[in-house]
Amino acid sequence: MKTEFAAKMLAYLYVCGGGNEAVVLHEGLNAGMGIASQKFHIKGGEVPDTEGVVLIQQYIKELEAAEKNKDFQTNPVVYVPWLKEIFDRYHLRYKEGFSSAKKEK
């Protein structure tokens, strides 16, 4: 897994995926998240990779800014094109990729 893709996955998990059934119950995606977190040393008492954390934070800011758009939930790849890479790799439909609780707000 490339560093940039790993950062995108962790940003997606942080912003969009925590309370989402499609993410929580998806074995492949969970395995990918585990690999991504190991890549940046994000585990119990480890010191995270500083450059990696900065990269993850950039993607988090991008997602949080896009999420403010009212149409983001229905077609997120229009606002954040790199999400398509995650959705395609793990066979997620766009509407599955986001928490329904956020849609109702």
PDB file of N, CA and C in Angstrom:
ATOM      1  N   MET A   1       0.852  -1.179   0.000  1.00  0.00           N
ATOM      2  CA  MET A   1       0.000   0.000   0.000  1.00  0.00           C
ATOM      3  C   MET A   1       0.894   1.238   0.000  1.00  0.00           C
ATOM      4  N   LYS A   2       0.604   2.142  -0.912  1.00  0.00           N
ATOM      5  CA  LYS A   2       1.387   3.367  -1.012  1.00  0.00           C
ATOM      6  C   LYS A   2       1.041   4.310   0.136  1.00  0.00           C
ATOM      7  N   THR A   3       2.008   5.112   0.517  1.00  0.00           N
ATOM      8  CA  THR A   3       1.851   6.039   1.635  1.00  0.00           C
ATOM      9  C   THR A   3       0.679   6.992   1.418  1.00  0.00           C
ATOM     10  N   GLU A   4       0.574   7.534   0.226  1.00  0.00           N
ATOM     11  CA  GLU A   4      -0.488   8.499  -0.050  1.00  0.00           C
ATOM     12  C   GLU A   4      -1.875   7.851   0.063  1.00  0.00           C
ATOM     13  N   PHE A   5      -2.017   6.635  -0.474  1.00  0.00           N
ATOM     14  CA  PHE A   5      -3.301   5.937  -0.380  1.00  0.00           C
ATOM     15  C   PHE A   5      -3.637   5.630   1.079  1.00  0.00           C
ATOM     16  N   ALA A   6      -2.630   5.233   1.848  1.00  0.00           N
ATOM     17  CA  ALA A   6      -2.842   4.940   3.270  1.00  0.00           C
ATOM     18  C   ALA A   6      -3.332   6.192   4.003  1.00  0.00           C
ATOM     19  N   ALA A   7      -2.764   7.343   3.676  1.00  0.00           N
ATOM     20  CA  ALA A   7      -3.192   8.594   4.311  1.00  0.00           C
ATOM     21  C   ALA A   7      -4.634   8.924   3.934  1.00  0.00           C
ATOM     22  N   LYS A   8      -4.999   8.686   2.688  1.00  0.00           N
ATOM     23  CA  LYS A   8      -6.372   8.944   2.241  1.00  0.00           C
ATOM     24  C   LYS A   8      -7.351   8.040   2.982  1.00  0.00           C
ATOM     25  N   MET A   9      -6.981   6.775   3.152  1.00  0.00           N
ATOM     26  CA  MET A   9      -7.865   5.837   3.862  1.00  0.00           C
ATOM     27  C   MET A   9      -8.095   6.268   5.300  1.00  0.00           C
ATOM     28  N   LEU A  10      -7.032   6.666   5.972  1.00  0.00           N
ATOM     29  CA  LEU A  10      -7.175   7.071   7.369  1.00  0.00           C
ATOM     30  C   LEU A  10      -7.960   8.362   7.504  1.00  0.00           C
ATOM     31  N   ALA A  11      -7.796   9.272   6.552  1.00  0.00           N
ATOM     32  CA  ALA A  11      -8.598  10.505   6.562  1.00  0.00           C
ATOM     33  C   ALA A  11     -10.070  10.175   6.337  1.00  0.00           C
ATOM     34  N   TYR A  12     -10.343   9.284   5.403  1.00  0.00           N
ATOM     35  CA  TYR A  12     -11.726   8.855   5.138  1.00  0.00           C
ATOM     36  C   TYR A  12     -12.333   8.234   6.391  1.00  0.00           C
ATOM     37  N   LEU A  13     -11.584   7.371   7.039  1.00  0.00           N
ATOM     38  CA  LEU A  13     -12.078   6.739   8.258  1.00  0.00           C
ATOM     39  C   LEU A  13     -12.366   7.791   9.331  1.00  0.00           C
ATOM     40  N   TYR A  14     -11.466   8.728   9.496  1.00  0.00           N
ATOM     41  CA  TYR A  14     -11.617   9.755  10.531  1.00  0.00           C
ATOM     42  C   TYR A  14     -12.843  10.631  10.282  1.00  0.00           C
ATOM     43  N   VAL A  15     -13.023  11.063   9.041  1.00  0.00           N
ATOM     44  CA  VAL A  15     -14.089  12.021   8.743  1.00  0.00           C
ATOM     45  C   VAL A  15     -15.425  11.341   8.473  1.00  0.00           C
ATOM     46  N   CYS A  16     -15.428  10.246   7.751  1.00  0.00           N
ATOM     47  CA  CYS A  16     -16.683   9.697   7.219  1.00  0.00           C
ATOM     48  C   CYS A  16     -17.055   8.312   7.721  1.00  0.00           C
ATOM     49  N   GLY A  17     -16.118   7.538   8.174  1.00  0.00           N
ATOM     50  CA  GLY A  17     -16.399   6.128   8.318  1.00  0.00           C
ATOM     51  C   GLY A  17     -16.642   5.565   9.689  1.00  0.00           C
ATOM     52  N   GLY A  18     -16.378   6.298  10.739  1.00  0.00           N
ATOM     53  CA  GLY A  18     -16.427   5.728  12.074  1.00  0.00           C
ATOM     54  C   GLY A  18     -17.727   5.073  12.477  1.00  0.00           C
ATOM     55  N   GLY A  19     -18.863   5.679  12.201  1.00  0.00           N
ATOM     56  CA  GLY A  19     -20.148   5.121  12.600  1.00  0.00           C
ATOM     57  C   GLY A  19     -20.901   4.532  11.428  1.00  0.00           C
ATOM     58  N   ASN A  20     -20.188   4.068  10.438  1.00  0.00           N
ATOM     59  CA  ASN A  20     -20.783   3.622   9.195  1.00  0.00           C
ATOM     60  C   ASN A  20     -20.710   2.101   9.084  1.00  0.00           C
ATOM     61  N   GLU A  21     -21.829   1.460   8.946  1.00  0.00           N
ATOM     62  CA  GLU A  21     -21.885   0.005   8.888  1.00  0.00           C
ATOM     63  C   GLU A  21     -21.063  -0.566   7.743  1.00  0.00           C
ATOM     64  N   ALA A  22     -21.084   0.095   6.582  1.00  0.00           N
ATOM     65  CA  ALA A  22     -20.325  -0.392   5.430  1.00  0.00           C
ATOM     66  C   ALA A  22     -18.831  -0.412   5.724  1.00  0.00           C
ATOM     67  N   VAL A  23     -18.380   0.473   6.566  1.00  0.00           N
ATOM     68  CA  VAL A  23     -16.963   0.517   6.919  1.00  0.00           C
ATOM     69  C   VAL A  23     -16.668  -0.433   8.075  1.00  0.00           C
ATOM     70  N   VAL A  24     -17.472  -0.385   9.094  1.00  0.00           N
ATOM     71  CA  VAL A  24     -17.226  -1.174  10.298  1.00  0.00           C
ATOM     72  C   VAL A  24     -17.260  -2.670  10.010  1.00  0.00           C
ATOM     73  N   LEU A  25     -18.172  -3.119   9.145  1.00  0.00           N
ATOM     74  CA  LEU A  25     -18.336  -4.548   8.890  1.00  0.00           C
ATOM     75  C   LEU A  25     -17.605  -5.057   7.641  1.00  0.00           C
ATOM     76  N   HIS A  26     -16.876  -4.218   6.968  1.00  0.00           N
ATOM     77  CA  HIS A  26     -16.193  -4.600   5.734  1.00  0.00           C
ATOM     78  C   HIS A  26     -14.798  -5.144   6.070  1.00  0.00           C
ATOM     79  N   GLU A  27     -14.620  -6.465   5.932  1.00  0.00           N
ATOM     80  CA  GLU A  27     -13.356  -7.095   6.334  1.00  0.00           C
ATOM     81  C   GLU A  27     -12.165  -6.553   5.563  1.00  0.00           C
ATOM     82  N   GLY A  28     -12.305  -6.416   4.247  1.00  0.00           N
ATOM     83  CA  GLY A  28     -11.200  -5.922   3.429  1.00  0.00           C
ATOM     84  C   GLY A  28     -10.806  -4.504   3.783  1.00  0.00           C
ATOM     85  N   LEU A  29     -11.807  -3.669   3.976  1.00  0.00           N
ATOM     86  CA  LEU A  29     -11.539  -2.276   4.329  1.00  0.00           C
ATOM     87  C   LEU A  29     -10.904  -2.187   5.711  1.00  0.00           C
ATOM     88  N   ASN A  30     -11.375  -2.996   6.636  1.00  0.00           N
ATOM     89  CA  ASN A  30     -10.775  -3.012   7.977  1.00  0.00           C
ATOM     90  C   ASN A  30      -9.323  -3.467   7.925  1.00  0.00           C
ATOM     91  N   ALA A  31      -9.035  -4.467   7.104  1.00  0.00           N
ATOM     92  CA  ALA A  31      -7.648  -4.919   6.947  1.00  0.00           C
ATOM     93  C   ALA A  31      -6.795  -3.796   6.364  1.00  0.00           C
ATOM     94  N   GLY A  32      -7.337  -3.103   5.367  1.00  0.00           N
ATOM     95  CA  GLY A  32      -6.618  -1.973   4.776  1.00  0.00           C
ATOM     96  C   GLY A  32      -6.352  -0.870   5.785  1.00  0.00           C
ATOM     97  N   MET A  33      -7.330  -0.594   6.632  1.00  0.00           N
ATOM     98  CA  MET A  33      -7.154   0.422   7.668  1.00  0.00           C
ATOM     99  C   MET A  33      -6.056   0.007   8.653  1.00  0.00           C
ATOM    100  N   GLY A  34      -6.011  -1.278   8.960  1.00  0.00           N
ATOM    101  CA  GLY A  34      -4.959  -1.775   9.850  1.00  0.00           C
ATOM    102  C   GLY A  34      -3.582  -1.619   9.237  1.00  0.00           C
ATOM    103  N   ILE A  35      -3.472  -1.945   7.961  1.00  0.00           N
ATOM    104  CA  ILE A  35      -2.194  -1.786   7.259  1.00  0.00           C
ATOM    105  C   ILE A  35      -1.804  -0.310   7.202  1.00  0.00           C
ATOM    106  N   ALA A  36      -2.771   0.544   6.906  1.00  0.00           N
ATOM    107  CA  ALA A  36      -2.508   1.986   6.827  1.00  0.00           C
ATOM    108  C   ALA A  36      -2.034   2.530   8.174  1.00  0.00           C
ATOM    109  N   SER A  37      -2.676   2.110   9.248  1.00  0.00           N
ATOM    110  CA  SER A  37      -2.279   2.618  10.564  1.00  0.00           C
ATOM    111  C   SER A  37      -0.889   2.117  10.949  1.00  0.00           C
ATOM    112  N   GLN A  38      -0.527   0.893  10.551  1.00  0.00           N
ATOM    113  CA  GLN A  38       0.817   0.382  10.812  1.00  0.00           C
ATOM    114  C   GLN A  38       1.862   1.159  10.020  1.00  0.00           C
ATOM    115  N   LYS A  39       1.511   1.540   8.818  1.00  0.00           N
ATOM    116  CA  LYS A  39       2.422   2.288   7.948  1.00  0.00           C
ATOM    117  C   LYS A  39       2.871   3.597   8.609  1.00  0.00           C
ATOM    118  N   PHE A  40       1.966   4.233   9.353  1.00  0.00           N
ATOM    119  CA  PHE A  40       2.277   5.505  10.011  1.00  0.00           C
ATOM    120  C   PHE A  40       2.577   5.338  11.500  1.00  0.00           C
ATOM    121  N   HIS A  41       2.689   4.115  11.964  1.00  0.00           N
ATOM    122  CA  HIS A  41       2.973   3.805  13.378  1.00  0.00           C
ATOM    123  C   HIS A  41       1.898   4.375  14.299  1.00  0.00           C
ATOM    124  N   ILE A  42       0.640   4.264  13.860  1.00  0.00           N
ATOM    125  CA  ILE A  42      -0.472   4.749  14.680  1.00  0.00           C
ATOM    126  C   ILE A  42      -1.061   3.547  15.408  1.00  0.00           C
ATOM    127  N   LYS A  43      -0.469   3.238  16.503  1.00  0.00           N
ATOM    128  CA  LYS A  43      -0.919   2.139  17.348  1.00  0.00           C
ATOM    129  C   LYS A  43      -0.686   2.574  18.786  1.00  0.00           C
ATOM    130  N   GLY A  44      -1.151   1.830  19.714  1.00  0.00           N
ATOM    131  CA  GLY A  44      -0.978   2.061  21.145  1.00  0.00           C
ATOM    132  C   GLY A  44       0.242   2.861  21.543  1.00  0.00           C
ATOM    133  N   GLY A  45       1.189   2.752  22.159  1.00  0.00           N
ATOM    134  CA  GLY A  45       2.255   3.629  22.637  1.00  0.00           C
ATOM    135  C   GLY A  45       3.303   4.039  21.635  1.00  0.00           C
ATOM    136  N   GLU A  46       3.102   3.796  20.339  1.00  0.00           N
ATOM    137  CA  GLU A  46       4.101   4.185  19.347  1.00  0.00           C
ATOM    138  C   GLU A  46       4.058   5.685  19.070  1.00  0.00           C
ATOM    139  N   VAL A  47       5.188   6.192  18.606  1.00  0.00           N
ATOM    140  CA  VAL A  47       5.262   7.584  18.178  1.00  0.00           C
ATOM    141  C   VAL A  47       4.930   7.609  16.694  1.00  0.00           C
ATOM    142  N   PRO A  48       3.854   8.297  16.299  1.00  0.00           N
ATOM    143  CA  PRO A  48       3.454   8.314  14.893  1.00  0.00           C
ATOM    144  C   PRO A  48       4.489   8.996  14.004  1.00  0.00           C
ATOM    145  N   ASP A  49       4.514   8.592  12.754  1.00  0.00           N
ATOM    146  CA  ASP A  49       5.366   9.208  11.742  1.00  0.00           C
ATOM    147  C   ASP A  49       4.879  10.636  11.509  1.00  0.00           C
ATOM    148  N   THR A  50       5.725  11.616  11.807  1.00  0.00           N
ATOM    149  CA  THR A  50       5.328  13.028  11.744  1.00  0.00           C
ATOM    150  C   THR A  50       4.922  13.445  10.342  1.00  0.00           C
ATOM    151  N   GLU A  51       5.708  13.079   9.341  1.00  0.00           N
ATOM    152  CA  GLU A  51       5.370  13.450   7.965  1.00  0.00           C
ATOM    153  C   GLU A  51       4.055  12.806   7.544  1.00  0.00           C
ATOM    154  N   GLY A  52       3.833  11.587   7.963  1.00  0.00           N
ATOM    155  CA  GLY A  52       2.593  10.896   7.640  1.00  0.00           C
ATOM    156  C   GLY A  52       1.383  11.564   8.273  1.00  0.00           C
ATOM    157  N   VAL A  53       1.536  11.999   9.510  1.00  0.00           N
ATOM    158  CA  VAL A  53       0.436  12.661  10.205  1.00  0.00           C
ATOM    159  C   VAL A  53       0.068  13.963   9.497  1.00  0.00           C
ATOM    160  N   VAL A  54       1.065  14.702   9.033  1.00  0.00           N
ATOM    161  CA  VAL A  54       0.806  15.949   8.301  1.00  0.00           C
ATOM    162  C   VAL A  54       0.035  15.648   7.021  1.00  0.00           C
ATOM    163  N   LEU A  55       0.417  14.588   6.323  1.00  0.00           N
ATOM    164  CA  LEU A  55      -0.277  14.189   5.088  1.00  0.00           C
ATOM    165  C   LEU A  55      -1.730  13.794   5.382  1.00  0.00           C
ATOM    166  N   ILE A  56      -1.941  13.020   6.422  1.00  0.00           N
ATOM    167  CA  ILE A  56      -3.295  12.615   6.820  1.00  0.00           C
ATOM    168  C   ILE A  56      -4.134  13.855   7.154  1.00  0.00           C
ATOM    169  N   GLN A  57      -3.545  14.799   7.878  1.00  0.00           N
ATOM    170  CA  GLN A  57      -4.264  16.018   8.249  1.00  0.00           C
ATOM    171  C   GLN A  57      -4.675  16.826   7.023  1.00  0.00           C
ATOM    172  N   GLN A  58      -3.844  16.843   5.981  1.00  0.00           N
ATOM    173  CA  GLN A  58      -4.200  17.547   4.747  1.00  0.00           C
ATOM    174  C   GLN A  58      -5.450  16.937   4.127  1.00  0.00           C
ATOM    175  N   TYR A  59      -5.495  15.606   4.064  1.00  0.00           N
ATOM    176  CA  TYR A  59      -6.656  14.932   3.487  1.00  0.00           C
ATOM    177  C   TYR A  59      -7.894  15.099   4.364  1.00  0.00           C
ATOM    178  N   ILE A  60      -7.697  15.122   5.680  1.00  0.00           N
ATOM    179  CA  ILE A  60      -8.825  15.360   6.594  1.00  0.00           C
ATOM    180  C   ILE A  60      -9.425  16.738   6.337  1.00  0.00           C
ATOM    181  N   LYS A  61      -8.581  17.752   6.216  1.00  0.00           N
ATOM    182  CA  LYS A  61      -9.066  19.116   5.959  1.00  0.00           C
ATOM    183  C   LYS A  61      -9.830  19.176   4.636  1.00  0.00           C
ATOM    184  N   GLU A  62      -9.320  18.486   3.621  1.00  0.00           N
ATOM    185  CA  GLU A  62      -9.989  18.469   2.320  1.00  0.00           C
ATOM    186  C   GLU A  62     -11.379  17.837   2.421  1.00  0.00           C
ATOM    187  N   LEU A  63     -11.473  16.712   3.111  1.00  0.00           N
ATOM    188  CA  LEU A  63     -12.765  16.041   3.286  1.00  0.00           C
ATOM    189  C   LEU A  63     -13.733  16.873   4.117  1.00  0.00           C
ATOM    190  N   GLU A  64     -13.250  17.451   5.200  1.00  0.00           N
ATOM    191  CA  GLU A  64     -14.129  18.257   6.053  1.00  0.00           C
ATOM    192  C   GLU A  64     -14.663  19.478   5.304  1.00  0.00           C
ATOM    193  N   ALA A  65     -13.834  20.083   4.478  1.00  0.00           N
ATOM    194  CA  ALA A  65     -14.289  21.230   3.686  1.00  0.00           C
ATOM    195  C   ALA A  65     -15.335  20.796   2.666  1.00  0.00           C
ATOM    196  N   ALA A  66     -15.117  19.666   2.009  1.00  0.00           N
ATOM    197  CA  ALA A  66     -16.057  19.173   0.996  1.00  0.00           C
ATOM    198  C   ALA A  66     -17.369  18.735   1.623  1.00  0.00           C
ATOM    199  N   GLU A  67     -17.304  18.206   2.825  1.00  0.00           N
ATOM    200  CA  GLU A  67     -18.485  17.699   3.512  1.00  0.00           C
ATOM    201  C   GLU A  67     -19.511  18.793   3.804  1.00  0.00           C
ATOM    202  N   LYS A  68     -19.072  20.037   3.818  1.00  0.00           N
ATOM    203  CA  LYS A  68     -19.976  21.159   4.072  1.00  0.00           C
ATOM    204  C   LYS A  68     -20.905  21.436   2.896  1.00  0.00           C
ATOM    205  N   ASN A  69     -20.565  20.902   1.721  1.00  0.00           N
ATOM    206  CA  ASN A  69     -21.404  21.089   0.547  1.00  0.00           C
ATOM    207  C   ASN A  69     -22.648  20.221   0.672  1.00  0.00           C
ATOM    208  N   LYS A  70     -23.806  20.774   0.389  1.00  0.00           N
ATOM    209  CA  LYS A  70     -25.072  20.047   0.593  1.00  0.00           C
ATOM    210  C   LYS A  70     -25.194  18.805  -0.287  1.00  0.00           C
ATOM    211  N   ASP A  71     -24.538  18.771  -1.439  1.00  0.00           N
ATOM    212  CA  ASP A  71     -24.627  17.625  -2.340  1.00  0.00           C
ATOM    213  C   ASP A  71     -23.530  16.592  -2.116  1.00  0.00           C
ATOM    214  N   PHE A  72     -22.675  16.816  -1.137  1.00  0.00           N
ATOM    215  CA  PHE A  72     -21.533  15.929  -0.912  1.00  0.00           C
ATOM    216  C   PHE A  72     -21.956  14.483  -0.664  1.00  0.00           C
ATOM    217  N   GLN A  73     -22.985  14.278   0.142  1.00  0.00           N
ATOM    218  CA  GLN A  73     -23.400  12.922   0.499  1.00  0.00           C
ATOM    219  C   GLN A  73     -23.881  12.121  -0.702  1.00  0.00           C
ATOM    220  N   THR A  74     -24.512  12.762  -1.664  1.00  0.00           N
ATOM    221  CA  THR A  74     -25.059  12.024  -2.807  1.00  0.00           C
ATOM    222  C   THR A  74     -24.015  11.713  -3.860  1.00  0.00           C
ATOM    223  N   ASN A  75     -22.995  12.557  -4.012  1.00  0.00           N
ATOM    224  CA  ASN A  75     -21.961  12.293  -5.007  1.00  0.00           C
ATOM    225  C   ASN A  75     -20.619  12.858  -4.530  1.00  0.00           C
ATOM    226  N   PRO A  76     -20.016  12.196  -3.554  1.00  0.00           N
ATOM    227  CA  PRO A  76     -18.800  12.738  -2.940  1.00  0.00           C
ATOM    228  C   PRO A  76     -17.599  12.838  -3.872  1.00  0.00           C
ATOM    229  N   VAL A  77     -17.512  11.965  -4.884  1.00  0.00           N
ATOM    230  CA  VAL A  77     -16.323  11.990  -5.746  1.00  0.00           C
ATOM    231  C   VAL A  77     -16.262  13.230  -6.619  1.00  0.00           C
ATOM    232  N   VAL A  78     -17.363  13.946  -6.767  1.00  0.00           N
ATOM    233  CA  VAL A  78     -17.336  15.218  -7.493  1.00  0.00           C
ATOM    234  C   VAL A  78     -16.498  16.227  -6.702  1.00  0.00           C
ATOM    235  N   TYR A  79     -16.594  16.194  -5.391  1.00  0.00           N
ATOM    236  CA  TYR A  79     -15.911  17.156  -4.537  1.00  0.00           C
ATOM    237  C   TYR A  79     -14.539  16.660  -4.075  1.00  0.00           C
ATOM    238  N   VAL A  80     -14.399  15.357  -3.927  1.00  0.00           N
ATOM    239  CA  VAL A  80     -13.130  14.768  -3.495  1.00  0.00           C
ATOM    240  C   VAL A  80     -12.854  13.563  -4.417  1.00  0.00           C
ATOM    241  N   PRO A  81     -12.228  13.808  -5.560  1.00  0.00           N
ATOM    242  CA  PRO A  81     -12.041  12.747  -6.559  1.00  0.00           C
ATOM    243  C   PRO A  81     -11.272  11.515  -6.061  1.00  0.00           C
ATOM    244  N   TRP A  82     -10.388  11.688  -5.106  1.00  0.00           N
ATOM    245  CA  TRP A  82      -9.615  10.536  -4.651  1.00  0.00           C
ATOM    246  C   TRP A  82     -10.450   9.531  -3.854  1.00  0.00           C
ATOM    247  N   LEU A  83     -11.653   9.901  -3.425  1.00  0.00           N
ATOM    248  CA  LEU A  83     -12.526   8.930  -2.750  1.00  0.00           C
ATOM    249  C   LEU A  83     -12.907   7.777  -3.678  1.00  0.00           C
ATOM    250  N   LYS A  84     -12.977   8.048  -4.979  1.00  0.00           N
ATOM    251  CA  LYS A  84     -13.326   7.012  -5.946  1.00  0.00           C
ATOM    252  C   LYS A  84     -12.340   5.845  -5.871  1.00  0.00           C
ATOM    253  N   GLU A  85     -11.082   6.153  -5.643  1.00  0.00           N
ATOM    254  CA  GLU A  85     -10.057   5.116  -5.537  1.00  0.00           C
ATOM    255  C   GLU A  85     -10.365   4.167  -4.361  1.00  0.00           C
ATOM    256  N   ILE A  86     -10.787   4.724  -3.253  1.00  0.00           N
ATOM    257  CA  ILE A  86     -11.127   3.897  -2.085  1.00  0.00           C
ATOM    258  C   ILE A  86     -12.400   3.094  -2.363  1.00  0.00           C
ATOM    259  N   PHE A  87     -13.428   3.771  -2.869  1.00  0.00           N
ATOM    260  CA  PHE A  87     -14.701   3.102  -3.139  1.00  0.00           C
ATOM    261  C   PHE A  87     -14.540   1.981  -4.165  1.00  0.00           C
ATOM    262  N   ASP A  88     -13.775   2.224  -5.203  1.00  0.00           N
ATOM    263  CA  ASP A  88     -13.568   1.201  -6.229  1.00  0.00           C
ATOM    264  C   ASP A  88     -12.749   0.025  -5.701  1.00  0.00           C
ATOM    265  N   ARG A  89     -11.713   0.320  -4.957  1.00  0.00           N
ATOM    266  CA  ARG A  89     -10.839  -0.740  -4.445  1.00  0.00           C
ATOM    267  C   ARG A  89     -11.576  -1.690  -3.511  1.00  0.00           C
ATOM    268  N   TYR A  90     -12.499  -1.135  -2.713  1.00  0.00           N
ATOM    269  CA  TYR A  90     -13.207  -1.953  -1.728  1.00  0.00           C
ATOM    270  C   TYR A  90     -14.663  -2.213  -2.111  1.00  0.00           C
ATOM    271  N   HIS A  91     -15.014  -1.901  -3.336  1.00  0.00           N
ATOM    272  CA  HIS A  91     -16.354  -2.183  -3.881  1.00  0.00           C
ATOM    273  C   HIS A  91     -17.471  -1.591  -3.021  1.00  0.00           C
ATOM    274  N   LEU A  92     -17.309  -0.329  -2.660  1.00  0.00           N
ATOM    275  CA  LEU A  92     -18.342   0.391  -1.916  1.00  0.00           C
ATOM    276  C   LEU A  92     -19.120   1.272  -2.883  1.00  0.00           C
ATOM    277  N   ARG A  93     -20.422   1.325  -2.714  1.00  0.00           N
ATOM    278  CA  ARG A  93     -21.209   2.312  -3.459  1.00  0.00           C
ATOM    279  C   ARG A  93     -21.082   3.628  -2.722  1.00  0.00           C
ATOM    280  N   TYR A  94     -21.219   4.717  -3.427  1.00  0.00           N
ATOM    281  CA  TYR A  94     -20.999   6.030  -2.816  1.00  0.00           C
ATOM    282  C   TYR A  94     -21.897   6.265  -1.616  1.00  0.00           C
ATOM    283  N   LYS A  95     -23.166   5.872  -1.718  1.00  0.00           N
ATOM    284  CA  LYS A  95     -24.059   6.137  -0.589  1.00  0.00           C
ATOM    285  C   LYS A  95     -23.754   5.244   0.602  1.00  0.00           C
ATOM    286  N   GLU A  96     -23.082   4.099   0.391  1.00  0.00           N
ATOM    287  CA  GLU A  96     -22.678   3.247   1.514  1.00  0.00           C
ATOM    288  C   GLU A  96     -21.478   3.826   2.243  1.00  0.00           C
ATOM    289  N   GLY A  97     -20.710   4.625   1.546  1.00  0.00           N
ATOM    290  CA  GLY A  97     -19.452   5.099   2.095  1.00  0.00           C
ATOM    291  C   GLY A  97     -19.575   6.138   3.180  1.00  0.00           C
ATOM    292  N   PHE A  98     -20.802   6.541   3.502  1.00  0.00           N
ATOM    293  CA  PHE A  98     -20.980   7.603   4.478  1.00  0.00           C
ATOM    294  C   PHE A  98     -22.051   7.235   5.478  1.00  0.00           C
ATOM    295  N   SER A  99     -21.888   7.760   6.660  1.00  0.00           N
ATOM    296  CA  SER A  99     -22.815   7.481   7.751  1.00  0.00           C
ATOM    297  C   SER A  99     -24.191   8.049   7.462  1.00  0.00           C
ATOM    298  N   SER A 100     -25.208   7.250   7.640  1.00  0.00           N
ATOM    299  CA  SER A 100     -26.571   7.727   7.433  1.00  0.00           C
ATOM    300  C   SER A 100     -26.941   8.788   8.454  1.00  0.00           C
ATOM    301  N   ALA A 101     -26.299   8.761   9.608  1.00  0.00           N
ATOM    302  CA  ALA A 101     -26.560   9.771  10.624  1.00  0.00           C
ATOM    303  C   ALA A 101     -26.169  11.156  10.104  1.00  0.00           C
ATOM    304  N   LYS A 102     -25.111  11.235   9.332  1.00  0.00           N
ATOM    305  CA  LYS A 102     -24.692  12.524   8.784  1.00  0.00           C
ATOM    306  C   LYS A 102     -25.642  12.993   7.710  1.00  0.00           C
ATOM    307  N   LYS A 103     -26.262  12.075   6.972  1.00  0.00           N
ATOM    308  CA  LYS A 103     -27.195  12.449   5.922  1.00  0.00           C
ATOM    309  C   LYS A 103     -28.440  13.110   6.488  1.00  0.00           C
ATOM    310  N   GLU A 104     -28.841  12.692   7.672  1.00  0.00           N
ATOM    311  CA  GLU A 104     -30.072  13.173   8.276  1.00  0.00           C
ATOM    312  C   GLU A 104     -29.926  14.553   8.902  1.00  0.00           C
ATOM    313  N   LYS A 105     -28.727  15.042   9.091  1.00  0.00           N
ATOM    314  CA  LYS A 105     -28.509  16.338   9.741  1.00  0.00           C
ATOM    315  C   LYS A 105     -29.026  17.471   8.895  1.00  0.00           C
TER     316      LYS A 105
END
